[in-house]
Structures are given as structure tokens and as C-alpha cells.
Amino acid sequence: DHHAKTYGHPADTGFMEIENLWKAENWNPDALLDLYKAAGAR
């Protein structure tokens, strides 16, 4: 239901299109890993 409402029917807009919508445009791995290390992750 979410897909049909947001992206279209899966016969028209399949998951391969969602793969290409993944842009990671605000990803900051350094900041995330600083946070995770501070939390105790080894």
C-alpha cells in the first residue's frame, strides 16, 4: 500500500527504481562512528 501510494504500482515502478533512489546524500560515517565508539562499541 505504501509503495502504490508513494511510488506507483509495482508493475510500473519496481524495487530497482528504489535502489537508484538511495543516494546517501547526508551520510557522515566519521560522525556516526565517533558516536558509536563513544557508546562503547569495540
PDB file of all heavy atoms in Angstrom:
ATOM      1  N   ASP A   1       0.832  -1.211   0.000  1.00  0.00           N
ATOM      2  CA  ASP A   1       0.000   0.000   0.000  1.00  0.00           C
ATOM      3  C   ASP A   1       0.862   1.256   0.000  1.00  0.00           C
ATOM      4  O   ASP A   1       0.579   2.220  -0.722  1.00  0.00           O
ATOM      5  CB  ASP A   1      -0.919  -0.001   1.218  1.00  0.00           C
ATOM      6  CG  ASP A   1      -1.942  -1.129   1.177  1.00  0.00           C
ATOM      7  OD1 ASP A   1      -2.249  -1.609   0.065  1.00  0.00           O
ATOM      8  OD2 ASP A   1      -2.406  -1.547   2.251  1.00  0.00           O
ATOM      9  N   HIS A   2       1.920   1.242   0.812  1.00  0.00           N
ATOM     10  CA  HIS A   2       2.819   2.402   0.868  1.00  0.00           C
ATOM     11  C   HIS A   2       3.460   2.644  -0.500  1.00  0.00           C
ATOM     12  O   HIS A   2       3.534   3.788  -0.969  1.00  0.00           O
ATOM     13  CB  HIS A   2       3.900   2.163   1.918  1.00  0.00           C
ATOM     14  CG  HIS A   2       4.929   3.250   1.974  1.00  0.00           C
ATOM     15  ND1 HIS A   2       4.806   4.368   2.770  1.00  0.00           N
ATOM     16  CD2 HIS A   2       6.113   3.406   1.308  1.00  0.00           C
ATOM     17  CE1 HIS A   2       5.854   5.148   2.609  1.00  0.00           C
ATOM     18  NE2 HIS A   2       6.659   4.588   1.720  1.00  0.00           N
ATOM     19  N   HIS A   3       3.899   1.577  -1.131  1.00  0.00           N
ATOM     20  CA  HIS A   3       4.589   1.716  -2.406  1.00  0.00           C
ATOM     21  C   HIS A   3       3.647   2.246  -3.482  1.00  0.00           C
ATOM     22  O   HIS A   3       4.003   3.168  -4.240  1.00  0.00           O
ATOM     23  CB  HIS A   3       5.166   0.369  -2.841  1.00  0.00           C
ATOM     24  CG  HIS A   3       6.109   0.482  -3.995  1.00  0.00           C
ATOM     25  ND1 HIS A   3       7.437   0.796  -3.850  1.00  0.00           N
ATOM     26  CD2 HIS A   3       5.899   0.360  -5.329  1.00  0.00           C
ATOM     27  CE1 HIS A   3       8.008   0.848  -5.044  1.00  0.00           C
ATOM     28  NE2 HIS A   3       7.096   0.584  -5.958  1.00  0.00           N
ATOM     29  N   ALA A   4       2.457   1.656  -3.542  1.00  0.00           N
ATOM     30  CA  ALA A   4       1.497   2.092  -4.559  1.00  0.00           C
ATOM     31  C   ALA A   4       1.144   3.569  -4.388  1.00  0.00           C
ATOM     32  O   ALA A   4       1.019   4.321  -5.377  1.00  0.00           O
ATOM     33  CB  ALA A   4       0.245   1.228  -4.488  1.00  0.00           C
ATOM     34  N   LYS A   5       1.001   4.008  -3.154  1.00  0.00           N
ATOM     35  CA  LYS A   5       0.643   5.398  -2.878  1.00  0.00           C
ATOM     36  C   LYS A   5       1.803   6.350  -3.138  1.00  0.00           C
ATOM     37  O   LYS A   5       1.600   7.470  -3.656  1.00  0.00           O
ATOM     38  CB  LYS A   5       0.181   5.521  -1.432  1.00  0.00           C
ATOM     39  CG  LYS A   5      -0.215   6.927  -1.021  1.00  0.00           C
ATOM     40  CD  LYS A   5      -0.661   6.970   0.434  1.00  0.00           C
ATOM     41  CE  LYS A   5      -1.014   8.372   0.893  1.00  0.00           C
ATOM     42  NZ  LYS A   5      -1.437   8.418   2.313  1.00  0.00           N
ATOM     43  N   THR A   6       3.022   5.913  -2.806  1.00  0.00           N
ATOM     44  CA  THR A   6       4.184   6.809  -2.835  1.00  0.00           C
ATOM     45  C   THR A   6       4.919   6.786  -4.166  1.00  0.00           C
ATOM     46  O   THR A   6       5.355   7.833  -4.665  1.00  0.00           O
ATOM     47  CB  THR A   6       5.155   6.440  -1.696  1.00  0.00           C
ATOM     48  OG1 THR A   6       4.439   6.378  -0.458  1.00  0.00           O
ATOM     49  CG2 THR A   6       6.279   7.465  -1.594  1.00  0.00           C
ATOM     50  N   TYR A   7       5.056   5.584  -4.750  1.00  0.00           N
ATOM     51  CA  TYR A   7       5.899   5.444  -5.939  1.00  0.00           C
ATOM     52  C   TYR A   7       5.140   4.958  -7.176  1.00  0.00           C
ATOM     53  O   TYR A   7       5.610   5.158  -8.304  1.00  0.00           O
ATOM     54  CB  TYR A   7       7.038   4.467  -5.653  1.00  0.00           C
ATOM     55  CG  TYR A   7       7.878   4.842  -4.445  1.00  0.00           C
ATOM     56  CD1 TYR A   7       7.771   4.138  -3.256  1.00  0.00           C
ATOM     57  CD2 TYR A   7       8.761   5.919  -4.513  1.00  0.00           C
ATOM     58  CE1 TYR A   7       8.536   4.482  -2.142  1.00  0.00           C
ATOM     59  CE2 TYR A   7       9.531   6.277  -3.409  1.00  0.00           C
ATOM     60  CZ  TYR A   7       9.414   5.553  -2.225  1.00  0.00           C
ATOM     61  OH  TYR A   7      10.162   5.905  -1.130  1.00  0.00           O
ATOM     62  N   GLY A   8       4.014   4.301  -6.969  1.00  0.00           N
ATOM     63  CA  GLY A   8       3.261   3.767  -8.093  1.00  0.00           C
ATOM     64  C   GLY A   8       3.093   2.263  -7.984  1.00  0.00           C
ATOM     65  O   GLY A   8       3.669   1.605  -7.120  1.00  0.00           O
ATOM     66  N   HIS A   9       2.303   1.716  -8.877  1.00  0.00           N
ATOM     67  CA  HIS A   9       2.029   0.280  -8.875  1.00  0.00           C
ATOM     68  C   HIS A   9       3.316  -0.489  -9.172  1.00  0.00           C
ATOM     69  O   HIS A   9       4.121  -0.063 -10.007  1.00  0.00           O
ATOM     70  CB  HIS A   9       0.958  -0.043  -9.923  1.00  0.00           C
ATOM     71  CG  HIS A   9       0.443  -1.433  -9.835  1.00  0.00           C
ATOM     72  ND1 HIS A   9       1.036  -2.499 -10.492  1.00  0.00           N
ATOM     73  CD2 HIS A   9      -0.609  -1.958  -9.146  1.00  0.00           C
ATOM     74  CE1 HIS A   9       0.359  -3.599 -10.224  1.00  0.00           C
ATOM     75  NE2 HIS A   9      -0.643  -3.299  -9.405  1.00  0.00           N
ATOM     76  N   PRO A  10       3.530  -1.641  -8.516  1.00  0.00           N
ATOM     77  CA  PRO A  10       4.783  -2.370  -8.721  1.00  0.00           C
ATOM     78  C   PRO A  10       4.969  -2.953 -10.117  1.00  0.00           C
ATOM     79  O   PRO A  10       6.083  -3.365 -10.456  1.00  0.00           O
ATOM     80  CB  PRO A  10       4.737  -3.471  -7.658  1.00  0.00           C
ATOM     81  CG  PRO A  10       3.323  -3.553  -7.202  1.00  0.00           C
ATOM     82  CD  PRO A  10       2.751  -2.200  -7.389  1.00  0.00           C
ATOM     83  N   ALA A  11       3.940  -2.973 -10.926  1.00  0.00           N
ATOM     84  CA  ALA A  11       4.147  -3.329 -12.327  1.00  0.00           C
ATOM     85  C   ALA A  11       4.809  -2.185 -13.090  1.00  0.00           C
ATOM     86  O   ALA A  11       5.488  -2.399 -14.101  1.00  0.00           O
ATOM     87  CB  ALA A  11       2.814  -3.684 -12.989  1.00  0.00           C
ATOM     88  N   ASP A  12       4.638  -0.958 -12.592  1.00  0.00           N
ATOM     89  CA  ASP A  12       5.190   0.234 -13.246  1.00  0.00           C
ATOM     90  C   ASP A  12       6.491   0.689 -12.606  1.00  0.00           C
ATOM     91  O   ASP A  12       7.423   1.117 -13.304  1.00  0.00           O
ATOM     92  CB  ASP A  12       4.184   1.387 -13.168  1.00  0.00           C
ATOM     93  CG  ASP A  12       2.834   1.035 -13.753  1.00  0.00           C
ATOM     94  OD1 ASP A  12       2.796   0.282 -14.734  1.00  0.00           O
ATOM     95  OD2 ASP A  12       1.815   1.506 -13.195  1.00  0.00           O
ATOM     96  N   THR A  13       6.542   0.627 -11.284  1.00  0.00           N
ATOM     97  CA  THR A  13       7.699   1.108 -10.540  1.00  0.00           C
ATOM     98  C   THR A  13       8.137   0.005  -9.574  1.00  0.00           C
ATOM     99  O   THR A  13       7.544  -0.170  -8.506  1.00  0.00           O
ATOM    100  CB  THR A  13       7.365   2.381  -9.745  1.00  0.00           C
ATOM    101  OG1 THR A  13       6.793   3.341 -10.615  1.00  0.00           O
ATOM    102  CG2 THR A  13       8.611   2.953  -9.089  1.00  0.00           C
ATOM    103  N   GLY A  14       9.127  -0.738  -9.976  1.00  0.00           N
ATOM    104  CA  GLY A  14       9.598  -1.848  -9.158  1.00  0.00           C
ATOM    105  C   GLY A  14      10.686  -1.433  -8.192  1.00  0.00           C
ATOM    106  O   GLY A  14      11.098  -0.265  -8.135  1.00  0.00           O
ATOM    107  N   PHE A  15      11.193  -2.410  -7.438  1.00  0.00           N
ATOM    108  CA  PHE A  15      12.181  -2.054  -6.432  1.00  0.00           C
ATOM    109  C   PHE A  15      13.500  -1.589  -7.042  1.00  0.00           C
ATOM    110  O   PHE A  15      14.246  -0.845  -6.399  1.00  0.00           O
ATOM    111  CB  PHE A  15      12.442  -3.218  -5.460  1.00  0.00           C
ATOM    112  CG  PHE A  15      13.244  -2.775  -4.268  1.00  0.00           C
ATOM    113  CD1 PHE A  15      12.671  -1.987  -3.282  1.00  0.00           C
ATOM    114  CD2 PHE A  15      14.600  -3.064  -4.175  1.00  0.00           C
ATOM    115  CE1 PHE A  15      13.417  -1.522  -2.214  1.00  0.00           C
ATOM    116  CE2 PHE A  15      15.358  -2.613  -3.102  1.00  0.00           C
ATOM    117  CZ  PHE A  15      14.760  -1.841  -2.118  1.00  0.00           C
ATOM    118  N   MET A  16      13.799  -1.985  -8.257  1.00  0.00           N
ATOM    119  CA  MET A  16      15.033  -1.499  -8.871  1.00  0.00           C
ATOM    120  C   MET A  16      15.058   0.024  -8.916  1.00  0.00           C
ATOM    121  O   MET A  16      16.132   0.637  -8.841  1.00  0.00           O
ATOM    122  CB  MET A  16      15.224  -2.093 -10.265  1.00  0.00           C
ATOM    123  CG  MET A  16      14.111  -1.810 -11.231  1.00  0.00           C
ATOM    124  SD  MET A  16      14.380  -2.597 -12.846  1.00  0.00           S
ATOM    125  CE  MET A  16      15.425  -1.361 -13.627  1.00  0.00           C
ATOM    126  N   GLU A  17      13.887   0.644  -9.015  1.00  0.00           N
ATOM    127  CA  GLU A  17      13.844   2.104  -9.004  1.00  0.00           C
ATOM    128  C   GLU A  17      14.181   2.661  -7.621  1.00  0.00           C
ATOM    129  O   GLU A  17      14.781   3.733  -7.505  1.00  0.00           O
ATOM    130  CB  GLU A  17      12.461   2.588  -9.434  1.00  0.00           C
ATOM    131  CG  GLU A  17      12.037   2.149 -10.830  1.00  0.00           C
ATOM    132  CD  GLU A  17      12.860   2.804 -11.934  1.00  0.00           C
ATOM    133  OE1 GLU A  17      13.515   3.832 -11.673  1.00  0.00           O
ATOM    134  OE2 GLU A  17      12.823   2.289 -13.077  1.00  0.00           O
ATOM    135  N   ILE A  18      13.797   1.945  -6.581  1.00  0.00           N
ATOM    136  CA  ILE A  18      14.135   2.371  -5.216  1.00  0.00           C
ATOM    137  C   ILE A  18      15.636   2.245  -4.987  1.00  0.00           C
ATOM    138  O   ILE A  18      16.238   3.094  -4.305  1.00  0.00           O
ATOM    139  CB  ILE A  18      13.353   1.559  -4.172  1.00  0.00           C
ATOM    140  CG1 ILE A  18      11.851   1.576  -4.495  1.00  0.00           C
ATOM    141  CG2 ILE A  18      13.612   2.093  -2.769  1.00  0.00           C
ATOM    142  CD1 ILE A  18      11.234   2.943  -4.553  1.00  0.00           C
ATOM    143  N   GLU A  19      16.246   1.206  -5.563  1.00  0.00           N
ATOM    144  CA  GLU A  19      17.709   1.075  -5.452  1.00  0.00           C
ATOM    145  C   GLU A  19      18.386   2.361  -5.934  1.00  0.00           C
ATOM    146  O   GLU A  19      19.344   2.843  -5.327  1.00  0.00           O
ATOM    147  CB  GLU A  19      18.218  -0.113  -6.279  1.00  0.00           C
ATOM    148  CG  GLU A  19      17.675  -1.470  -5.916  1.00  0.00           C
ATOM    149  CD  GLU A  19      18.318  -2.102  -4.684  1.00  0.00           C
ATOM    150  OE1 GLU A  19      18.999  -1.389  -3.919  1.00  0.00           O
ATOM    151  OE2 GLU A  19      18.120  -3.313  -4.484  1.00  0.00           O
ATOM    152  N   ASN A  20      17.873   2.919  -7.000  1.00  0.00           N
ATOM    153  CA  ASN A  20      18.505   4.117  -7.552  1.00  0.00           C
ATOM    154  C   ASN A  20      18.131   5.384  -6.807  1.00  0.00           C
ATOM    155  O   ASN A  20      18.782   6.418  -6.961  1.00  0.00           O
ATOM    156  CB  ASN A  20      18.138   4.271  -9.031  1.00  0.00           C
ATOM    157  CG  ASN A  20      19.090   5.199  -9.750  1.00  0.00           C
ATOM    158  OD1 ASN A  20      20.307   5.094  -9.589  1.00  0.00           O
ATOM    159  ND2 ASN A  20      18.554   6.112 -10.533  1.00  0.00           N
ATOM    160  N   LEU A  21      17.080   5.331  -5.977  1.00  0.00           N
ATOM    161  CA  LEU A  21      16.727   6.485  -5.140  1.00  0.00           C
ATOM    162  C   LEU A  21      17.580   6.564  -3.873  1.00  0.00           C
ATOM    163  O   LEU A  21      17.535   7.570  -3.161  1.00  0.00           O
ATOM    164  CB  LEU A  21      15.248   6.420  -4.747  1.00  0.00           C
ATOM    165  CG  LEU A  21      14.229   6.601  -5.869  1.00  0.00           C
ATOM    166  CD1 LEU A  21      12.814   6.477  -5.315  1.00  0.00           C
ATOM    167  CD2 LEU A  21      14.421   7.936  -6.566  1.00  0.00           C
ATOM    168  N   TRP A  22      18.312   5.511  -3.571  1.00  0.00           N
ATOM    169  CA  TRP A  22      19.197   5.511  -2.405  1.00  0.00           C
ATOM    170  C   TRP A  22      20.430   6.349  -2.745  1.00  0.00           C
ATOM    171  O   TRP A  22      21.289   5.922  -3.505  1.00  0.00           O
ATOM    172  CB  TRP A  22      19.576   4.068  -2.058  1.00  0.00           C
ATOM    173  CG  TRP A  22      20.463   3.946  -0.860  1.00  0.00           C
ATOM    174  CD1 TRP A  22      20.524   4.762   0.212  1.00  0.00           C
ATOM    175  CD2 TRP A  22      21.429   2.909  -0.620  1.00  0.00           C
ATOM    176  NE1 TRP A  22      21.457   4.316   1.118  1.00  0.00           N
ATOM    177  CE2 TRP A  22      22.025   3.170   0.629  1.00  0.00           C
ATOM    178  CE3 TRP A  22      21.837   1.788  -1.337  1.00  0.00           C
ATOM    179  CZ2 TRP A  22      23.021   2.356   1.168  1.00  0.00           C
ATOM    180  CZ3 TRP A  22      22.809   0.965  -0.809  1.00  0.00           C
ATOM    181  CH2 TRP A  22      23.392   1.247   0.445  1.00  0.00           C
ATOM    182  N   LYS A  23      20.525   7.546  -2.165  1.00  0.00           N
ATOM    183  CA  LYS A  23      21.606   8.468  -2.523  1.00  0.00           C
ATOM    184  C   LYS A  23      22.637   8.676  -1.422  1.00  0.00           C
ATOM    185  O   LYS A  23      23.728   9.166  -1.687  1.00  0.00           O
ATOM    186  CB  LYS A  23      21.018   9.822  -2.924  1.00  0.00           C
ATOM    187  CG  LYS A  23      20.048   9.756  -4.102  1.00  0.00           C
ATOM    188  CD  LYS A  23      20.688   9.178  -5.356  1.00  0.00           C
ATOM    189  CE  LYS A  23      19.732   9.208  -6.535  1.00  0.00           C
ATOM    190  NZ  LYS A  23      20.310   8.546  -7.739  1.00  0.00           N
ATOM    191  N   ALA A  24      22.285   8.366  -0.176  1.00  0.00           N
ATOM    192  CA  ALA A  24      23.217   8.549   0.949  1.00  0.00           C
ATOM    193  C   ALA A  24      23.772   9.964   0.981  1.00  0.00           C
ATOM    194  O   ALA A  24      24.925  10.197   1.352  1.00  0.00           O
ATOM    195  CB  ALA A  24      24.355   7.526   0.863  1.00  0.00           C
ATOM    196  N   GLU A  25      22.940  10.932   0.640  1.00  0.00           N
ATOM    197  CA  GLU A  25      23.434  12.294   0.395  1.00  0.00           C
ATOM    198  C   GLU A  25      23.894  13.027   1.649  1.00  0.00           C
ATOM    199  O   GLU A  25      24.683  13.979   1.556  1.00  0.00           O
ATOM    200  CB  GLU A  25      22.368  13.123  -0.332  1.00  0.00           C
ATOM    201  CG  GLU A  25      21.073  13.353   0.442  1.00  0.00           C
ATOM    202  CD  GLU A  25      20.027  12.270   0.243  1.00  0.00           C
ATOM    203  OE1 GLU A  25      20.398  11.119  -0.112  1.00  0.00           O
ATOM    204  OE2 GLU A  25      18.832  12.573   0.453  1.00  0.00           O
ATOM    205  N   ASN A  26      23.429  12.605   2.822  1.00  0.00           N
ATOM    206  CA  ASN A  26      23.839  13.268   4.070  1.00  0.00           C
ATOM    207  C   ASN A  26      24.655  12.355   4.985  1.00  0.00           C
ATOM    208  O   ASN A  26      24.802  12.644   6.172  1.00  0.00           O
ATOM    209  CB  ASN A  26      22.592  13.763   4.812  1.00  0.00           C
ATOM    210  CG  ASN A  26      21.842  14.825   4.034  1.00  0.00           C
ATOM    211  OD1 ASN A  26      22.456  15.749   3.498  1.00  0.00           O
ATOM    212  ND2 ASN A  26      20.529  14.690   3.938  1.00  0.00           N
ATOM    213  N   TRP A  27      25.179  11.318   4.431  1.00  0.00           N
ATOM    214  CA  TRP A  27      25.932  10.311   5.200  1.00  0.00           C
ATOM    215  C   TRP A  27      27.263  10.881   5.677  1.00  0.00           C
ATOM    216  O   TRP A  27      28.047  11.387   4.884  1.00  0.00           O
ATOM    217  CB  TRP A  27      26.144   9.099   4.306  1.00  0.00           C
ATOM    218  CG  TRP A  27      26.930   7.968   4.905  1.00  0.00           C
ATOM    219  CD1 TRP A  27      26.864   7.503   6.176  1.00  0.00           C
ATOM    220  CD2 TRP A  27      27.868   7.143   4.211  1.00  0.00           C
ATOM    221  NE1 TRP A  27      27.715   6.421   6.332  1.00  0.00           N
ATOM    222  CE2 TRP A  27      28.338   6.187   5.141  1.00  0.00           C
ATOM    223  CE3 TRP A  27      28.353   7.101   2.901  1.00  0.00           C
ATOM    224  CZ2 TRP A  27      29.274   5.201   4.789  1.00  0.00           C
ATOM    225  CZ3 TRP A  27      29.274   6.127   2.547  1.00  0.00           C
ATOM    226  CH2 TRP A  27      29.726   5.199   3.488  1.00  0.00           C
ATOM    227  N   ASN A  28      27.500  10.789   6.968  1.00  0.00           N
ATOM    228  CA  ASN A  28      28.769  11.211   7.568  1.00  0.00           C
ATOM    229  C   ASN A  28      29.292  10.060   8.419  1.00  0.00           C
ATOM    230  O   ASN A  28      29.045  10.009   9.632  1.00  0.00           O
ATOM    231  CB  ASN A  28      28.573  12.466   8.415  1.00  0.00           C
ATOM    232  CG  ASN A  28      29.879  13.034   8.937  1.00  0.00           C
ATOM    233  OD1 ASN A  28      30.883  12.327   9.041  1.00  0.00           O
ATOM    234  ND2 ASN A  28      29.879  14.311   9.283  1.00  0.00           N
ATOM    235  N   PRO A  29      29.990   9.110   7.819  1.00  0.00           N
ATOM    236  CA  PRO A  29      30.431   7.934   8.572  1.00  0.00           C
ATOM    237  C   PRO A  29      31.361   8.274   9.723  1.00  0.00           C
ATOM    238  O   PRO A  29      31.354   7.586  10.750  1.00  0.00           O
ATOM    239  CB  PRO A  29      31.122   7.063   7.516  1.00  0.00           C
ATOM    240  CG  PRO A  29      31.482   8.008   6.413  1.00  0.00           C
ATOM    241  CD  PRO A  29      30.422   9.047   6.402  1.00  0.00           C
ATOM    242  N   ASP A  30      32.151   9.316   9.586  1.00  0.00           N
ATOM    243  CA  ASP A  30      33.060   9.691  10.670  1.00  0.00           C
ATOM    244  C   ASP A  30      32.284  10.108  11.916  1.00  0.00           C
ATOM    245  O   ASP A  30      32.602   9.694  13.035  1.00  0.00           O
ATOM    246  CB  ASP A  30      33.987  10.820  10.217  1.00  0.00           C
ATOM    247  CG  ASP A  30      34.965  10.374   9.142  1.00  0.00           C
ATOM    248  OD1 ASP A  30      35.572   9.301   9.302  1.00  0.00           O
ATOM    249  OD2 ASP A  30      35.096  11.086   8.132  1.00  0.00           O
ATOM    250  N   ALA A  31      31.267  10.927  11.731  1.00  0.00           N
ATOM    251  CA  ALA A  31      30.476  11.371  12.879  1.00  0.00           C
ATOM    252  C   ALA A  31      29.731  10.208  13.522  1.00  0.00           C
ATOM    253  O   ALA A  31      29.671  10.092  14.754  1.00  0.00           O
ATOM    254  CB  ALA A  31      29.490  12.451  12.442  1.00  0.00           C
ATOM    255  N   LEU A  32      29.163   9.319  12.704  1.00  0.00           N
ATOM    256  CA  LEU A  32      28.449   8.167  13.258  1.00  0.00           C
ATOM    257  C   LEU A  32      29.382   7.258  14.038  1.00  0.00           C
ATOM    258  O   LEU A  32      29.059   6.794  15.142  1.00  0.00           O
ATOM    259  CB  LEU A  32      27.759   7.394  12.133  1.00  0.00           C
ATOM    260  CG  LEU A  32      26.525   8.060  11.525  1.00  0.00           C
ATOM    261  CD1 LEU A  32      26.058   7.293  10.291  1.00  0.00           C
ATOM    262  CD2 LEU A  32      25.397   8.164  12.542  1.00  0.00           C
ATOM    263  N   LEU A  33      30.553   7.007  13.501  1.00  0.00           N
ATOM    264  CA  LEU A  33      31.474   6.087  14.174  1.00  0.00           C
ATOM    265  C   LEU A  33      32.107   6.720  15.410  1.00  0.00           C
ATOM    266  O   LEU A  33      32.427   6.007  16.370  1.00  0.00           O
ATOM    267  CB  LEU A  33      32.529   5.579  13.194  1.00  0.00           C
ATOM    268  CG  LEU A  33      31.941   4.574  12.190  1.00  0.00           C
ATOM    269  CD1 LEU A  33      32.885   4.324  11.041  1.00  0.00           C
ATOM    270  CD2 LEU A  33      31.593   3.262  12.873  1.00  0.00           C
ATOM    271  N   ASP A  34      32.261   8.027  15.425  1.00  0.00           N
ATOM    272  CA  ASP A  34      32.669   8.688  16.670  1.00  0.00           C
ATOM    273  C   ASP A  34      31.607   8.475  17.751  1.00  0.00           C
ATOM    274  O   ASP A  34      31.931   8.189  18.916  1.00  0.00           O
ATOM    275  CB  ASP A  34      32.862  10.190  16.430  1.00  0.00           C
ATOM    276  CG  ASP A  34      34.154  10.517  15.698  1.00  0.00           C
ATOM    277  OD1 ASP A  34      35.056   9.659  15.657  1.00  0.00           O
ATOM    278  OD2 ASP A  34      34.256  11.638  15.156  1.00  0.00           O
ATOM    279  N   LEU A  35      30.353   8.610  17.373  1.00  0.00           N
ATOM    280  CA  LEU A  35      29.248   8.395  18.299  1.00  0.00           C
ATOM    281  C   LEU A  35      29.228   6.957  18.797  1.00  0.00           C
ATOM    282  O   LEU A  35      29.074   6.703  20.003  1.00  0.00           O
ATOM    283  CB  LEU A  35      27.932   8.731  17.595  1.00  0.00           C
ATOM    284  CG  LEU A  35      26.646   8.507  18.391  1.00  0.00           C
ATOM    285  CD1 LEU A  35      26.523   9.528  19.517  1.00  0.00           C
ATOM    286  CD2 LEU A  35      25.434   8.588  17.452  1.00  0.00           C
ATOM    287  N   TYR A  36      29.410   6.003  17.890  1.00  0.00           N
ATOM    288  CA  TYR A  36      29.338   4.590  18.254  1.00  0.00           C
ATOM    289  C   TYR A  36      30.515   4.171  19.129  1.00  0.00           C
ATOM    290  O   TYR A  36      30.348   3.401  20.082  1.00  0.00           O
ATOM    291  CB  TYR A  36      29.285   3.733  16.993  1.00  0.00           C
ATOM    292  CG  TYR A  36      28.046   3.949  16.146  1.00  0.00           C
ATOM    293  CD1 TYR A  36      27.974   3.468  14.850  1.00  0.00           C
ATOM    294  CD2 TYR A  36      26.946   4.647  16.636  1.00  0.00           C
ATOM    295  CE1 TYR A  36      26.846   3.656  14.065  1.00  0.00           C
ATOM    296  CE2 TYR A  36      25.812   4.853  15.858  1.00  0.00           C
ATOM    297  CZ  TYR A  36      25.770   4.354  14.568  1.00  0.00           C
ATOM    298  OH  TYR A  36      24.651   4.546  13.808  1.00  0.00           O
ATOM    299  N   LYS A  37      31.684   4.690  18.817  1.00  0.00           N
ATOM    300  CA  LYS A  37      32.828   4.358  19.662  1.00  0.00           C
ATOM    301  C   LYS A  37      32.641   4.927  21.066  1.00  0.00           C
ATOM    302  O   LYS A  37      32.962   4.264  22.062  1.00  0.00           O
ATOM    303  CB  LYS A  37      34.120   4.884  19.041  1.00  0.00           C
ATOM    304  CG  LYS A  37      35.353   4.492  19.861  1.00  0.00           C
ATOM    305  CD  LYS A  37      36.657   4.856  19.186  1.00  0.00           C
ATOM    306  CE  LYS A  37      37.835   4.393  20.051  1.00  0.00           C
ATOM    307  NZ  LYS A  37      39.142   4.697  19.415  1.00  0.00           N
ATOM    308  N   ALA A  38      32.130   6.147  21.164  1.00  0.00           N
ATOM    309  CA  ALA A  38      31.890   6.745  22.475  1.00  0.00           C
ATOM    310  C   ALA A  38      30.885   5.932  23.279  1.00  0.00           C
ATOM    311  O   ALA A  38      30.925   5.921  24.516  1.00  0.00           O
ATOM    312  CB  ALA A  38      31.399   8.183  22.307  1.00  0.00           C
ATOM    313  N   ALA A  39      29.979   5.227  22.588  1.00  0.00           N
ATOM    314  CA  ALA A  39      28.978   4.401  23.266  1.00  0.00           C
ATOM    315  C   ALA A  39      29.557   3.082  23.769  1.00  0.00           C
ATOM    316  O   ALA A  39      28.858   2.342  24.457  1.00  0.00           O
ATOM    317  CB  ALA A  39      27.814   4.123  22.339  1.00  0.00           C
ATOM    318  N   GLY A  40      30.803   2.794  23.413  1.00  0.00           N
ATOM    319  CA  GLY A  40      31.448   1.588  23.898  1.00  0.00           C
ATOM    320  C   GLY A  40      31.636   0.507  22.873  1.00  0.00           C
ATOM    321  O   GLY A  40      32.176  -0.563  23.190  1.00  0.00           O
ATOM    322  N   ALA A  41      31.203   0.728  21.635  1.00  0.00           N
ATOM    323  CA  ALA A  41      31.372  -0.294  20.610  1.00  0.00           C
ATOM    324  C   ALA A  41      32.855  -0.594  20.410  1.00  0.00           C
ATOM    325  O   ALA A  41      33.667   0.332  20.305  1.00  0.00           O
ATOM    326  CB  ALA A  41      30.752   0.156  19.298  1.00  0.00           C
ATOM    327  N   ARG A  42      33.168  -1.871  20.341  1.00  0.00           N
ATOM    328  CA  ARG A  42      34.532  -2.311  20.057  1.00  0.00           C
ATOM    329  C   ARG A  42      34.655  -2.880  18.648  1.00  0.00           C
ATOM    330  O   ARG A  42      35.754  -3.106  18.163  1.00  0.00           O
ATOM    331  CB  ARG A  42      34.983  -3.361  21.064  1.00  0.00           C
ATOM    332  CG  ARG A  42      35.017  -2.891  22.518  1.00  0.00           C
ATOM    333  CD  ARG A  42      35.973  -1.736  22.719  1.00  0.00           C
ATOM    334  NE  ARG A  42      36.315  -1.519  24.105  1.00  0.00           N
ATOM    335  CZ  ARG A  42      35.777  -0.610  24.904  1.00  0.00           C
ATOM    336  NH1 ARG A  42      34.816   0.181  24.427  1.00  0.00           N
ATOM    337  NH2 ARG A  42      36.181  -0.466  26.150  1.00  0.00           N
TER     338      ARG A  42
END
